[in-house]
Amino acid sequence: MTLTPTLTKLQNARAIIGHSPLSTQVFLGATPKPFQVGKRHLGMAFKDEARNAAEKGVDAAKQGADTAKKASQEAKNETASAADEAMRKTKLIGDKVAGAAQDMAGKAKETAQEAWGSVKDTTQKMKDNVMGKAEESKEAIKDNVNRNMNNKN
């Protein structure tokens, strides 16, 4: 009779009773107690976690800002390099164009001088020819006039 109330108490206490032909064993299970943390300790734990998370966020933001700064600097350098290269090429082309224009102007001047010299030479030859023919004509006319006058006399 004493066994029945004991068994009831053991079952309420979450005990496990194991039977074997030779013996009976009773295992008492302990009820788990909740992890007890004082409110102050819990608040400090949350505060530490929040601080750690905030520090990680700040570090990530700094890292992102550094990366963005490096990327913008690289873009700026590449843009400046491309602009310098374009200016150098433009200057080179401008120098070539100016040189070509100067050469063309020199050639045009030489051509104009040659043409002027040719015109002068041709004009002088024409003048000499015309003057020569005029002298011949003048002499022929004089001879005709003198002959005609001699014949009349």
Protein backbone atom coordinates (compact mmCIF):
# COMPACT_ATOMS: atom_id res chain seq x y z
CA MET A 1 0.00 0.00 0.00
CA THR A 2 2.75 2.35 0.57
CA LEU A 3 3.91 1.66 -2.92
CA THR A 4 0.84 3.13 -4.61
CA PRO A 5 1.10 6.67 -3.22
CA THR A 6 4.82 6.61 -3.88
CA LEU A 7 4.26 5.60 -7.46
CA THR A 8 1.76 8.40 -7.93
CA LYS A 9 4.19 10.93 -6.53
CA LEU A 10 6.95 9.60 -8.76
CA GLN A 11 4.75 9.89 -11.84
CA ASN A 12 3.90 13.49 -11.00
CA ALA A 13 7.59 14.20 -10.60
CA ARG A 14 8.22 12.83 -14.08
CA ALA A 15 9.98 9.79 -12.93
CA ILE A 16 10.68 6.83 -15.12
CA ILE A 17 10.23 3.44 -13.60
CA GLY A 18 12.09 0.60 -15.22
CA HIS A 19 11.12 -3.01 -14.39
CA SER A 20 13.19 -6.04 -14.95
CA PRO A 21 12.64 -9.52 -13.58
CA LEU A 22 15.38 -9.10 -11.04
CA SER A 23 14.92 -5.50 -9.95
CA THR A 24 12.93 -2.30 -10.27
CA GLN A 25 14.73 0.94 -10.99
CA VAL A 26 13.37 4.45 -10.64
CA PHE A 27 14.87 7.39 -12.58
CA LEU A 28 13.85 10.83 -11.45
CA GLY A 29 13.73 13.50 -14.09
CA ALA A 30 14.61 16.99 -13.10
CA THR A 31 12.35 19.68 -14.39
CA PRO A 32 14.30 22.17 -16.39
CA LYS A 33 14.58 25.52 -14.76
CA PRO A 34 14.45 28.51 -17.01
CA PHE A 35 17.75 30.30 -17.53
CA GLN A 36 17.58 33.08 -15.06
CA VAL A 37 19.25 36.30 -16.00
CA GLY A 38 18.67 39.39 -14.03
CA LYS A 39 17.02 42.30 -15.78
CA ARG A 40 20.17 44.34 -15.37
CA HIS A 41 22.35 41.66 -16.92
CA LEU A 42 19.86 41.16 -19.74
CA GLY A 43 19.78 44.88 -20.47
CA MET A 44 23.59 45.03 -20.53
CA ALA A 45 23.71 42.04 -22.87
CA PHE A 46 21.27 43.73 -25.25
CA LYS A 47 23.22 46.97 -24.98
CA ASP A 48 26.49 45.16 -25.80
CA GLU A 49 24.88 43.39 -28.76
CA ALA A 50 23.47 46.69 -30.02
CA ARG A 51 26.88 48.38 -29.61
CA ASN A 52 28.60 45.54 -31.49
CA ALA A 53 26.03 45.69 -34.28
CA ALA A 54 26.37 49.48 -34.48
CA GLU A 55 30.18 49.22 -34.63
CA LYS A 56 29.92 46.64 -37.41
CA GLY A 57 27.53 48.94 -39.26
CA VAL A 58 29.89 51.91 -38.85
CA ASP A 59 32.82 49.79 -40.05
CA ALA A 60 30.82 48.62 -43.07
CA ALA A 61 29.79 52.20 -43.85
CA LYS A 62 33.41 53.37 -43.60
CA GLN A 63 34.54 50.54 -45.82
CA GLY A 64 31.82 51.38 -48.35
CA ALA A 65 32.78 55.06 -48.28
CA ASP A 66 36.46 54.19 -48.78
CA THR A 67 35.58 51.93 -51.69
CA ALA A 68 33.40 54.62 -53.26
CA LYS A 69 36.15 57.20 -52.75
CA LYS A 70 38.74 54.94 -54.39
CA ALA A 71 36.38 54.20 -57.29
CA SER A 72 35.65 57.89 -57.84
CA GLN A 73 39.37 58.73 -57.69
CA GLU A 74 40.12 56.01 -60.24
CA ALA A 75 37.31 57.30 -62.48
CA LYS A 76 38.65 60.85 -62.09
CA ASN A 77 42.18 59.72 -62.97
CA GLU A 78 40.96 57.75 -65.99
CA THR A 79 38.87 60.69 -67.16
CA ALA A 80 41.78 63.10 -66.72
CA SER A 81 44.08 60.68 -68.52
CA ALA A 82 41.62 60.33 -71.40
CA ALA A 83 41.18 64.11 -71.57
CA ASP A 84 44.96 64.63 -71.58
CA GLU A 85 45.35 62.04 -74.32
CA ALA A 86 42.59 63.68 -76.37
CA MET A 87 44.19 67.10 -75.92
CA ARG A 88 47.60 65.72 -76.90
CA LYS A 89 46.16 64.07 -80.02
CA THR A 90 44.21 67.21 -80.89
CA LYS A 91 47.35 69.31 -80.52
CA LEU A 92 49.30 66.84 -82.63
CA ILE A 93 46.65 66.93 -85.34
CA GLY A 94 46.48 70.73 -85.08
CA ASP A 95 50.26 70.93 -85.46
CA LYS A 96 50.11 68.64 -88.49
CA VAL A 97 47.29 70.69 -90.02
CA ALA A 98 49.16 73.92 -89.35
CA GLY A 99 52.32 72.44 -90.86
CA ALA A 100 50.40 71.23 -93.90
CA ALA A 101 48.71 74.61 -94.28
CA GLN A 102 52.07 76.34 -94.03
CA ASP A 103 53.53 73.99 -96.64
CA MET A 104 50.55 74.62 -98.90
CA ALA A 105 50.88 78.37 -98.44
CA GLY A 106 54.60 78.15 -99.28
CA LYS A 107 53.87 76.08 -102.38
CA ALA A 108 51.09 78.45 -103.42
CA LYS A 109 53.47 81.38 -103.02
CA GLU A 110 56.14 79.60 -105.09
CA THR A 111 53.57 78.75 -107.76
CA ALA A 112 52.33 82.33 -107.83
CA GLN A 113 55.92 83.64 -108.11
CA GLU A 114 56.66 81.16 -110.89
CA ALA A 115 53.47 82.16 -112.70
CA TRP A 116 54.31 85.84 -112.32
CA GLY A 117 57.83 85.23 -113.60
CA SER A 118 56.41 83.33 -116.57
CA VAL A 119 53.94 86.15 -117.29
CA LYS A 120 56.76 88.71 -117.10
CA ASP A 121 58.97 86.64 -119.40
CA THR A 122 56.15 86.11 -121.88
CA THR A 123 55.25 89.79 -121.77
CA GLN A 124 58.87 90.77 -122.32
CA LYS A 125 59.14 88.37 -125.29
CA MET A 126 55.92 89.73 -126.75
CA LYS A 127 57.16 93.27 -126.26
CA ASP A 128 60.48 92.45 -127.88
CA ASN A 129 58.70 90.73 -130.78
CA VAL A 130 56.22 93.53 -131.22
CA MET A 131 58.97 96.15 -130.93
CA GLY A 132 61.09 94.25 -133.38
CA LYS A 133 58.22 93.94 -135.83
CA ALA A 134 57.35 97.57 -135.28
CA GLU A 135 60.93 98.58 -136.03
CA GLU A 136 60.93 96.42 -139.14
CA SER A 137 57.61 97.89 -140.20
CA LYS A 138 58.84 101.38 -139.47
CA GLU A 139 61.95 100.76 -141.56
CA ALA A 140 59.90 99.21 -144.35
CA ILE A 141 57.55 102.17 -144.34
CA LYS A 142 60.45 104.61 -144.45
CA ASP A 143 61.96 102.71 -147.31
CA ASN A 144 58.65 102.74 -149.18
CA VAL A 145 58.14 106.42 -148.53
CA ASN A 146 61.68 107.22 -149.67
CA ARG A 147 61.30 105.12 -152.81
CA ASN A 148 58.01 106.63 -153.59
CA MET A 149 59.41 110.07 -153.14
CA ASN A 150 62.42 109.30 -155.27
CA ASN A 151 60.24 107.94 -157.98
CA LYS A 152 58.15 111.08 -158.04
CA ASN A 153 61.02 113.28 -158.27
